[in-house]
Amino acid sequence: MMPSIVIVGAQWGDEGKGKIIDYLAQEADVVIRAQGGNNAGHTVMVEDKKYSFHLLPSGVLFEDKLNIIGNGVVFDPEGFLQEIEVLKKEGINTSNIKIDERVHVIFPYHKRIDQLEEEARGEAQIGTTKKGIGPCYMDKIQRSGIRLGEMIDEEDFKDRLYKQVDDKNKIIEKIYEAEGFEKEAMYETYLKYAREIKKYVTDTTILAHEALKAKKKVLFEGAQGTLLDIDLGTYPYVTSSHPTAGGFPIGAGIGPNQIEQVLGIVKAYTTRVGSGTFPTELDNEVGDKIRIKGNEFGTTTGRPRRCGWFDGVMVRYTTRINGLTAMSLMLLDVLSGFDTLKICTGYELEGEMVAHFPANIKTLGKCKPIYEELPGWEEDITNMKTYEELPENAKKYIERIESYVGVPIKMISVGPKRNQTIIRERLF
């Protein structure tokens, strides 16, 4: 058993990471979120209660776990405090949450610019959640952003914020011809947030290092999915950070050699939210059936997800660039009741067979999936507890994915609840 595990989405996000993070958090000592912001959404089912997290690590339901929002995250103070309030109403202790002082803060002007830019794209919209994520990362890379440690420093915060509001108002008013912001009111609001949040703020890289040095069980929680990576995803229909395994050393402030296992979360089929090429998409009754059975609607936006067959070419690619050591296959129960199932094992591109996932989305858009067909199963598998209980055709489906991708499937989800999880091999 190894004490550090990275969890990544190995498709376009929405793979069911929240459930697996919650499951493994039962045994972890520390849960660390390292990138993205509250544009992500994790749904966790505990008994019959549903929790939706957007910024908080999914380990917050366990009072004995340390939950860290790492330096690579962009941080929405208003969203954070709303999530804290929900937990407090449920009687859940929130003192086990720590936020790195280096996180960049999302302000209202980031959200406004995000919205205005997306509207200006017209038909070429990316499908952003309009949560201000991209504009906040832009400020970070431009080196003009405000970090949380600076926001809680009341002396410096005012001057920094006023300059930013002045600069952003020029963009909002002169480029987009929209109404800007009143900086005094924003300062008062965010000063209040800073005072409420200050008790959670520290240098979390020290906490992460000490936990790993002490051989504690550390779970690195991924948000979004590999194909939304700003470098390695289906650009430009991507997020603004690195949801790949390589993003964790930077986003959590640890060395790359401190990651010991990389668990890729994959659905038993494929989904995507928003715009962009999707080779195995089923824009038909089969896709509708998967969407309804799988309740494929976004946690953060409520948008219906696009659905299609399992794309093995894509998962081979995400396996390679993440260095996956294992997979967790999610929502297998959704495929019960299909006579035939399909797995994409190659693409046809202008009459030629393509075995690798293209880097260019124009090329990807010309690719047609080449499928292998497998027999389906009728049985309800939602109450099955062991791999042996699964129908033979379900096992054949799982084993074909394993053999094609080249990585063992160690966990299988057969329902949304924590106890609807088949463990083939323990990770912690």
Protein backbone atom coordinates (compact mmCIF):
# COMPACT_ATOMS: atom_id res chain seq x y z
CA MET A 1 0.00 0.00 0.00
CA MET A 2 1.31 3.45 -0.92
CA PRO A 3 0.48 6.58 1.07
CA SER A 4 -0.05 9.13 -1.74
CA ILE A 5 -2.68 8.91 -4.48
CA VAL A 6 -3.52 11.41 -7.19
CA ILE A 7 -7.06 11.25 -8.58
CA VAL A 8 -7.55 12.60 -12.08
CA GLY A 9 -10.49 12.68 -14.44
CA ALA A 10 -9.36 10.71 -17.50
CA GLN A 11 -12.01 12.06 -19.87
CA TRP A 12 -13.66 15.50 -20.20
CA GLY A 13 -14.57 15.86 -16.52
CA ASP A 14 -17.78 14.84 -14.73
CA GLU A 15 -16.48 11.27 -14.48
CA GLY A 16 -17.62 10.75 -10.89
CA LYS A 17 -14.42 11.79 -9.12
CA GLY A 18 -16.34 13.12 -6.12
CA LYS A 19 -17.64 9.70 -5.19
CA ILE A 20 -14.22 8.03 -5.40
CA ILE A 21 -12.53 10.88 -3.55
CA ASP A 22 -15.17 10.56 -0.84
CA TYR A 23 -14.70 6.77 -0.73
CA LEU A 24 -10.90 6.94 -0.46
CA ALA A 25 -11.09 9.89 1.94
CA GLN A 26 -12.47 7.47 4.52
CA GLU A 27 -8.93 6.04 4.81
CA ALA A 28 -6.92 9.18 3.98
CA ASP A 29 -5.39 11.56 6.52
CA VAL A 30 -5.17 14.56 4.18
CA VAL A 31 -7.18 15.60 1.09
CA ILE A 32 -5.65 18.27 -1.17
CA ARG A 33 -7.28 20.23 -4.00
CA ALA A 34 -4.63 21.76 -6.28
CA GLN A 35 -6.16 23.50 -9.33
CA GLY A 36 -9.26 25.04 -10.81
CA GLY A 37 -11.91 26.86 -8.84
CA ASN A 38 -15.63 26.69 -8.18
CA ASN A 39 -16.23 26.00 -11.87
CA ALA A 40 -15.85 22.36 -10.84
CA GLY A 41 -18.50 20.29 -9.13
CA HIS A 42 -18.30 17.09 -7.12
CA THR A 43 -21.40 15.28 -6.00
CA VAL A 44 -21.13 12.98 -2.98
CA MET A 45 -23.91 10.68 -1.76
CA VAL A 46 -23.78 9.63 1.90
CA GLU A 47 -26.61 7.24 2.69
CA ASP A 48 -29.57 9.12 1.16
CA LYS A 49 -28.07 12.60 1.53
CA LYS A 50 -26.56 14.42 -1.43
CA TYR A 51 -23.73 16.94 -1.05
CA SER A 52 -22.46 19.16 -3.88
CA PHE A 53 -18.99 20.65 -3.56
CA HIS A 54 -17.55 23.26 -5.89
CA LEU A 55 -14.45 24.62 -4.16
CA LEU A 56 -14.10 22.59 -0.97
CA PRO A 57 -12.18 19.29 -1.00
CA SER A 58 -14.55 16.32 -0.77
CA GLY A 59 -12.94 15.13 2.47
CA VAL A 60 -14.72 17.83 4.49
CA LEU A 61 -17.44 15.38 5.49
CA PHE A 62 -14.84 13.63 7.68
CA GLU A 63 -13.95 15.69 10.74
CA ASP A 64 -10.68 13.85 11.33
CA LYS A 65 -9.23 14.69 7.90
CA LEU A 66 -7.14 17.73 7.03
CA ASN A 67 -8.56 19.39 3.91
CA ILE A 68 -6.28 21.68 1.91
CA ILE A 69 -7.08 24.15 -0.86
CA GLY A 70 -3.65 24.34 -2.49
CA ASN A 71 -1.77 27.22 -4.07
CA GLY A 72 -2.78 26.30 -7.65
CA VAL A 73 -6.48 26.97 -7.02
CA VAL A 74 -8.25 30.22 -7.92
CA PHE A 75 -10.39 31.14 -4.95
CA ASP A 76 -13.87 32.68 -4.83
CA PRO A 77 -14.36 34.00 -1.27
CA GLU A 78 -18.11 34.42 -1.66
CA GLY A 79 -18.52 30.88 -3.01
CA PHE A 80 -16.30 29.47 -0.26
CA LEU A 81 -18.29 31.11 2.53
CA GLN A 82 -21.57 29.90 1.00
CA GLU A 83 -20.30 26.31 1.03
CA ILE A 84 -19.07 26.72 4.61
CA GLU A 85 -22.51 27.99 5.65
CA VAL A 86 -24.21 24.93 4.14
CA LEU A 87 -21.88 22.61 6.04
CA LYS A 88 -22.41 24.47 9.31
CA LYS A 89 -26.19 24.13 8.92
CA GLU A 90 -25.65 20.38 8.58
CA GLY A 91 -23.66 20.38 11.81
CA ILE A 92 -20.37 19.61 10.04
CA ASN A 93 -17.18 20.97 11.61
CA THR A 94 -15.22 23.18 9.19
CA SER A 95 -12.12 23.83 11.31
CA ASN A 96 -10.27 21.09 9.39
CA ILE A 97 -10.01 23.29 6.24
CA LYS A 98 -6.82 25.17 5.31
CA ILE A 99 -6.30 27.50 2.34
CA ASP A 100 -2.90 28.36 0.95
CA GLU A 101 -2.07 32.05 1.21
CA ARG A 102 -0.84 31.97 -2.41
CA VAL A 103 -4.21 31.21 -4.05
CA HIS A 104 -5.35 33.92 -6.43
CA VAL A 105 -8.66 35.54 -5.55
CA ILE A 106 -11.62 35.77 -7.93
CA PHE A 107 -13.35 39.16 -7.80
CA PRO A 108 -16.65 40.33 -9.38
CA TYR A 109 -14.78 41.95 -12.27
CA HIS A 110 -13.36 38.54 -13.23
CA LYS A 111 -16.88 37.12 -13.46
CA ARG A 112 -18.17 40.10 -15.45
CA ILE A 113 -15.30 39.95 -17.95
CA ASP A 114 -15.75 36.15 -18.25
CA GLN A 115 -19.42 36.67 -19.11
CA LEU A 116 -18.80 39.55 -21.52
CA GLU A 117 -15.99 37.74 -23.36
CA GLU A 118 -18.10 34.61 -23.76
CA GLU A 119 -21.03 36.62 -25.12
CA ALA A 120 -18.71 38.42 -27.54
CA ARG A 121 -17.56 35.07 -28.98
CA GLY A 122 -21.05 34.49 -30.35
CA GLU A 123 -21.29 31.10 -32.05
CA ALA A 124 -17.66 30.34 -31.15
CA GLN A 125 -18.44 30.22 -27.42
CA ILE A 126 -16.18 27.95 -25.36
CA GLY A 127 -18.85 26.97 -22.83
CA THR A 128 -17.28 28.66 -19.80
CA THR A 129 -19.22 28.52 -16.51
CA LYS A 130 -18.79 32.33 -16.23
CA LYS A 131 -17.33 31.91 -12.73
CA GLY A 132 -14.36 34.18 -13.51
CA ILE A 133 -11.84 31.35 -13.63
CA GLY A 134 -10.09 32.23 -16.90
CA PRO A 135 -9.80 35.97 -16.22
CA CYS A 136 -8.41 35.25 -12.75
CA TYR A 137 -5.76 32.92 -14.17
CA MET A 138 -5.02 35.62 -16.79
CA ASP A 139 -4.25 38.09 -13.99
CA LYS A 140 -2.10 35.46 -12.30
CA ILE A 141 -0.01 34.88 -15.44
CA GLN A 142 0.07 38.63 -16.16
CA ARG A 143 1.38 39.07 -12.58
CA SER A 144 -1.29 41.57 -11.65
CA GLY A 145 -3.54 39.30 -9.58
CA ILE A 146 -4.33 39.56 -5.89
CA ARG A 147 -3.46 36.57 -3.72
CA LEU A 148 -5.36 35.61 -0.60
CA GLY A 149 -2.44 36.46 1.67
CA GLU A 150 -2.56 39.99 0.24
CA MET A 151 -6.33 40.24 0.59
CA ILE A 152 -6.15 39.55 4.33
CA ASP A 153 -3.40 42.19 4.68
CA GLU A 154 -5.69 45.17 5.23
CA GLU A 155 -2.94 47.74 4.68
CA ASP A 156 -1.99 46.60 1.17
CA PHE A 157 -5.34 45.25 0.01
CA LYS A 158 -7.08 48.56 -0.58
CA ASP A 159 -4.44 50.00 -2.91
CA ARG A 160 -4.10 46.76 -4.87
CA LEU A 161 -7.85 46.32 -5.29
CA TYR A 162 -8.50 49.94 -6.28
CA LYS A 163 -5.87 49.75 -9.04
CA GLN A 164 -7.37 46.49 -10.32
CA VAL A 165 -10.93 47.85 -10.34
CA ASP A 166 -9.78 50.98 -12.21
CA ASP A 167 -7.97 48.86 -14.81
CA LYS A 168 -10.81 46.38 -15.23
CA ASN A 169 -13.44 49.12 -15.46
CA LYS A 170 -11.60 50.50 -18.50
CA ILE A 171 -11.91 47.10 -20.18
CA ILE A 172 -15.55 46.62 -19.19
CA GLU A 173 -16.66 50.12 -20.11
CA LYS A 174 -14.54 50.91 -23.18
CA ILE A 175 -14.27 47.53 -24.89
CA TYR A 176 -17.56 45.92 -23.93
CA GLU A 177 -19.57 49.12 -23.30
CA ALA A 178 -20.94 47.68 -20.07
CA GLU A 179 -21.22 49.13 -16.58
CA GLY A 180 -18.13 48.98 -14.38
CA PHE A 181 -17.77 48.50 -10.62
CA GLU A 182 -17.80 50.82 -7.63
CA LYS A 183 -14.48 50.08 -5.92
CA GLU A 184 -15.34 51.32 -2.42
CA ALA A 185 -18.31 48.95 -2.14
CA MET A 186 -16.26 46.04 -3.45
CA TYR A 187 -13.49 46.79 -0.98
CA GLU A 188 -15.88 46.82 1.98
CA THR A 189 -17.48 43.53 0.90
CA TYR A 190 -14.19 41.72 0.36
CA LEU A 191 -12.63 43.14 3.51
CA LYS A 192 -15.51 41.51 5.39
CA TYR A 193 -14.84 38.23 3.57
CA ALA A 194 -11.13 38.50 4.38
CA ARG A 195 -11.83 38.81 8.10
CA GLU A 196 -14.09 35.74 8.02
CA ILE A 197 -11.64 33.66 5.98
CA LYS A 198 -8.39 34.68 7.72
CA LYS A 199 -8.55 31.82 10.26
CA TYR A 200 -8.35 29.24 7.44
CA VAL A 201 -5.30 30.76 5.71
CA THR A 202 -1.74 29.43 6.04
CA ASP A 203 1.22 28.12 4.01
CA THR A 204 -0.28 24.75 3.08
CA THR A 205 2.86 23.55 1.27
CA ILE A 206 4.39 23.01 4.71
CA LEU A 207 1.39 20.94 5.82
CA ALA A 208 1.53 18.83 2.64
CA HIS A 209 5.27 18.24 3.00
CA GLU A 210 5.02 17.29 6.67
CA ALA A 211 2.16 14.86 5.97
CA LEU A 212 4.08 13.12 3.17
CA LYS A 213 7.30 13.04 5.21
CA ALA A 214 5.39 11.38 8.07
CA LYS A 215 4.03 8.74 5.61
CA LYS A 216 0.47 9.86 6.16
CA LYS A 217 -2.13 8.86 3.59
CA VAL A 218 -2.53 11.85 1.27
CA LEU A 219 -5.23 12.05 -1.38
CA PHE A 220 -4.76 14.62 -4.15
CA GLU A 221 -8.18 15.56 -5.47
CA GLY A 222 -8.51 16.39 -9.16
CA ALA A 223 -11.10 18.75 -10.61
CA GLN A 224 -12.30 18.84 -14.22
CA GLY A 225 -10.79 16.26 -16.60
CA THR A 226 -7.58 15.60 -18.52
CA LEU A 227 -9.00 16.72 -21.86
CA LEU A 228 -9.75 20.12 -20.32
CA ASP A 229 -6.04 20.69 -19.54
CA ILE A 230 -4.91 24.07 -20.87
CA ASP A 231 -1.89 22.46 -22.64
CA LEU A 232 -2.89 18.86 -23.30
CA GLY A 233 -6.66 19.12 -23.69
CA THR A 234 -8.88 19.81 -26.71
CA TYR A 235 -7.79 23.45 -26.98
CA PRO A 236 -9.44 25.98 -27.02
CA TYR A 237 -12.38 24.11 -25.44
CA VAL A 238 -10.48 23.66 -22.20
CA THR A 239 -10.20 25.06 -18.69
CA SER A 240 -7.46 27.47 -17.56
CA SER A 241 -5.40 25.14 -15.37
CA HIS A 242 -3.76 21.70 -15.36
CA PRO A 243 -6.19 18.93 -14.27
CA THR A 244 -3.55 16.36 -15.26
CA ALA A 245 -1.32 14.50 -12.79
CA GLY A 246 1.52 16.90 -13.61
CA GLY A 247 -0.51 19.80 -12.21
CA PHE A 248 -0.43 18.44 -8.67
CA PRO A 249 3.26 18.95 -7.78
CA ILE A 250 2.98 22.63 -8.74
CA GLY A 251 -0.58 23.20 -7.49
CA ALA A 252 0.08 21.62 -4.10
CA GLY A 253 3.71 22.68 -3.73
CA ILE A 254 5.26 19.20 -3.55
CA GLY A 255 7.94 17.34 -5.50
CA PRO A 256 6.85 15.15 -8.44
CA ASN A 257 8.62 12.16 -6.88
CA GLN A 258 6.20 12.35 -3.94
CA ILE A 259 3.31 11.09 -6.10
CA GLU A 260 3.17 7.32 -5.89
CA GLN A 261 -0.13 6.31 -7.52
CA VAL A 262 -2.25 7.96 -10.21
CA LEU A 263 -5.85 6.78 -10.30
CA GLY A 264 -7.78 7.71 -13.45
CA ILE A 265 -11.53 8.05 -13.09
CA VAL A 266 -13.44 7.02 -16.21
CA LYS A 267 -17.11 6.58 -16.94
CA ALA A 268 -18.23 3.33 -18.55
CA TYR A 269 -19.22 5.61 -21.44
CA THR A 270 -18.17 9.17 -22.39
CA THR A 271 -19.72 12.56 -21.65
CA ARG A 272 -18.88 16.16 -22.36
CA VAL A 273 -20.35 19.51 -21.28
CA GLY A 274 -20.21 22.54 -23.51
CA SER A 275 -18.77 22.96 -26.99
CA GLY A 276 -16.04 21.10 -28.81
CA THR A 277 -15.40 17.95 -30.86
CA PHE A 278 -16.67 14.64 -29.47
CA PRO A 279 -15.95 11.64 -31.76
CA THR A 280 -18.18 9.04 -30.05
CA GLU A 281 -21.12 11.37 -29.35
CA LEU A 282 -24.56 9.78 -29.74
CA ASP A 283 -26.98 12.47 -30.84
CA ASN A 284 -29.85 9.98 -30.92
CA GLU A 285 -32.17 7.88 -28.74
CA VAL A 286 -29.25 5.84 -27.36
CA GLY A 287 -27.50 9.01 -26.21
CA ASP A 288 -30.74 10.26 -24.67
CA LYS A 289 -31.20 6.95 -22.84
CA ILE A 290 -27.69 7.15 -21.36
CA ARG A 291 -28.25 10.79 -20.34
CA ILE A 292 -31.52 10.05 -18.54
CA LYS A 293 -30.34 6.81 -16.89
CA GLY A 294 -27.07 8.41 -15.82
CA ASN A 295 -28.68 11.72 -14.73
CA GLU A 296 -26.14 13.46 -16.91
CA PHE A 297 -26.67 17.08 -15.94
CA GLY A 298 -23.87 19.33 -14.64
CA THR A 299 -23.33 19.72 -10.87
CA THR A 300 -22.30 23.37 -11.24
CA THR A 301 -24.43 24.50 -14.21
CA GLY A 302 -27.26 21.98 -14.52
CA ARG A 303 -26.49 21.79 -18.24
CA PRO A 304 -27.37 18.50 -20.00
CA ARG A 305 -24.19 16.58 -20.83
CA ARG A 306 -23.51 15.22 -24.28
CA CYS A 307 -23.25 11.41 -24.16
CA GLY A 308 -21.49 8.75 -26.24
CA TRP A 309 -19.83 5.34 -26.20
CA PHE A 310 -16.57 4.67 -24.34
CA ASP A 311 -13.67 6.17 -26.29
CA GLY A 312 -10.67 3.91 -25.77
CA VAL A 313 -8.39 5.98 -28.03
CA MET A 314 -8.98 8.98 -25.80
CA VAL A 315 -8.43 7.05 -22.56
CA ARG A 316 -5.21 5.53 -23.92
CA TYR A 317 -4.01 9.10 -24.48
CA THR A 318 -5.03 10.29 -21.02
CA THR A 319 -3.42 7.19 -19.51
CA ARG A 320 -0.13 8.05 -21.20
CA ILE A 321 0.04 11.73 -20.30
CA ASN A 322 -1.05 11.17 -16.68
CA GLY A 323 1.02 8.03 -16.09
CA LEU A 324 -2.07 6.21 -14.78
CA THR A 325 -1.32 3.26 -12.52
CA ALA A 326 -4.99 2.24 -12.07
CA MET A 327 -8.52 3.14 -13.14
CA SER A 328 -11.89 3.39 -11.45
CA LEU A 329 -14.80 2.59 -13.79
CA MET A 330 -17.87 4.64 -12.94
CA LEU A 331 -21.61 4.38 -13.67
CA LEU A 332 -21.40 0.84 -14.99
CA ASP A 333 -24.99 0.35 -13.81
CA VAL A 334 -26.19 2.88 -16.40
CA LEU A 335 -25.30 0.40 -19.18
CA SER A 336 -27.60 -2.34 -17.84
CA GLY A 337 -30.41 -2.98 -20.32
CA PHE A 338 -28.52 -2.33 -23.57
CA ASP A 339 -28.50 -5.25 -26.04
CA THR A 340 -25.18 -4.20 -27.50
CA LEU A 341 -22.38 -1.99 -26.19
CA LYS A 342 -19.62 -0.35 -28.19
CA ILE A 343 -16.02 0.59 -27.40
CA CYS A 344 -14.09 2.91 -29.73
CA THR A 345 -10.72 1.26 -30.47
CA GLY A 346 -9.52 3.51 -33.29
CA TYR A 347 -10.41 6.45 -35.52
CA GLU A 348 -10.80 6.61 -39.26
CA LEU A 349 -9.26 9.79 -40.67
CA GLU A 350 -9.73 10.39 -44.40
CA GLY A 351 -9.68 6.67 -45.11
CA GLU A 352 -6.74 5.91 -42.83
CA MET A 353 -6.76 4.19 -39.43
CA VAL A 354 -5.55 6.44 -36.59
CA ALA A 355 -4.47 4.84 -33.30
CA HIS A 356 -3.52 7.99 -31.39
CA PHE A 357 -5.62 10.90 -30.13
CA PRO A 358 -4.89 13.94 -32.34
CA ALA A 359 -3.47 17.11 -30.79
CA ASN A 360 -5.37 19.35 -33.22
CA ILE A 361 -9.15 19.65 -32.77
CA LYS A 362 -9.69 20.26 -36.47
CA THR A 363 -8.09 16.89 -37.14
CA LEU A 364 -10.06 15.34 -34.29
CA GLY A 365 -13.26 16.72 -35.81
CA LYS A 366 -12.60 14.75 -39.00
CA CYS A 367 -12.10 11.48 -37.09
CA LYS A 368 -14.82 8.85 -37.20
CA PRO A 369 -14.90 6.22 -34.44
CA ILE A 370 -14.08 2.61 -35.21
CA TYR A 371 -16.07 0.42 -32.82
CA GLU A 372 -15.84 -3.00 -31.31
CA GLU A 373 -19.23 -4.38 -30.35
CA LEU A 374 -19.78 -6.36 -27.16
CA PRO A 375 -22.94 -8.05 -25.89
CA GLY A 376 -24.81 -6.18 -23.16
CA TRP A 377 -26.60 -7.43 -20.05
CA GLU A 378 -30.07 -7.04 -18.59
CA GLU A 379 -29.38 -7.60 -14.89
CA ASP A 380 -29.67 -4.84 -12.31
CA ILE A 381 -26.15 -4.64 -10.83
CA THR A 382 -26.74 -1.83 -8.30
CA ASN A 383 -26.75 -4.17 -5.27
CA MET A 384 -23.81 -6.33 -6.30
CA LYS A 385 -20.89 -6.18 -3.88
CA THR A 386 -18.18 -8.28 -5.55
CA TYR A 387 -16.67 -8.58 -9.01
CA GLU A 388 -17.68 -12.25 -9.15
CA GLU A 389 -21.37 -11.35 -8.83
CA LEU A 390 -21.36 -9.20 -11.96
CA PRO A 391 -22.92 -10.63 -15.14
CA GLU A 392 -20.44 -12.34 -17.46
CA ASN A 393 -20.98 -9.75 -20.18
CA ALA A 394 -20.31 -6.92 -17.70
CA LYS A 395 -17.02 -8.59 -16.77
CA LYS A 396 -16.13 -9.02 -20.46
CA TYR A 397 -16.80 -5.32 -21.01
CA ILE A 398 -14.57 -4.34 -18.07
CA GLU A 399 -11.79 -6.71 -19.12
CA ARG A 400 -11.84 -5.45 -22.72
CA ILE A 401 -11.37 -1.87 -21.51
CA GLU A 402 -8.49 -3.02 -19.29
CA SER A 403 -6.77 -4.92 -22.09
CA TYR A 404 -7.18 -2.10 -24.61
CA VAL A 405 -6.09 0.74 -22.31
CA GLY A 406 -3.40 -1.32 -20.58
CA VAL A 407 -4.21 -0.30 -17.00
CA PRO A 408 -6.01 -2.36 -14.33
CA ILE A 409 -9.51 -1.33 -13.21
CA LYS A 410 -9.28 -1.57 -9.41
CA MET A 411 -12.61 0.04 -8.49
CA ILE A 412 -16.05 -0.25 -10.10
CA SER A 413 -19.02 1.97 -9.26
CA VAL A 414 -22.49 0.39 -9.59
CA GLY A 415 -24.51 3.25 -8.08
CA PRO A 416 -24.16 6.75 -6.61
CA LYS A 417 -23.85 5.78 -2.95
CA ARG A 418 -20.59 5.18 -1.12
CA ASN A 419 -21.45 1.52 -0.48
CA GLN A 420 -22.25 0.87 -4.17
CA THR A 421 -18.56 0.40 -4.95
CA ILE A 422 -16.82 -2.85 -5.88
CA ILE A 423 -13.17 -2.98 -4.82
CA ARG A 424 -10.97 -5.35 -6.80
CA GLU A 425 -7.74 -4.14 -5.19
CA ARG A 426 -7.26 -1.71 -2.31
CA LEU A 427 -5.27 1.44 -3.00
CA PHE A 428 -4.58 2.67 0.54
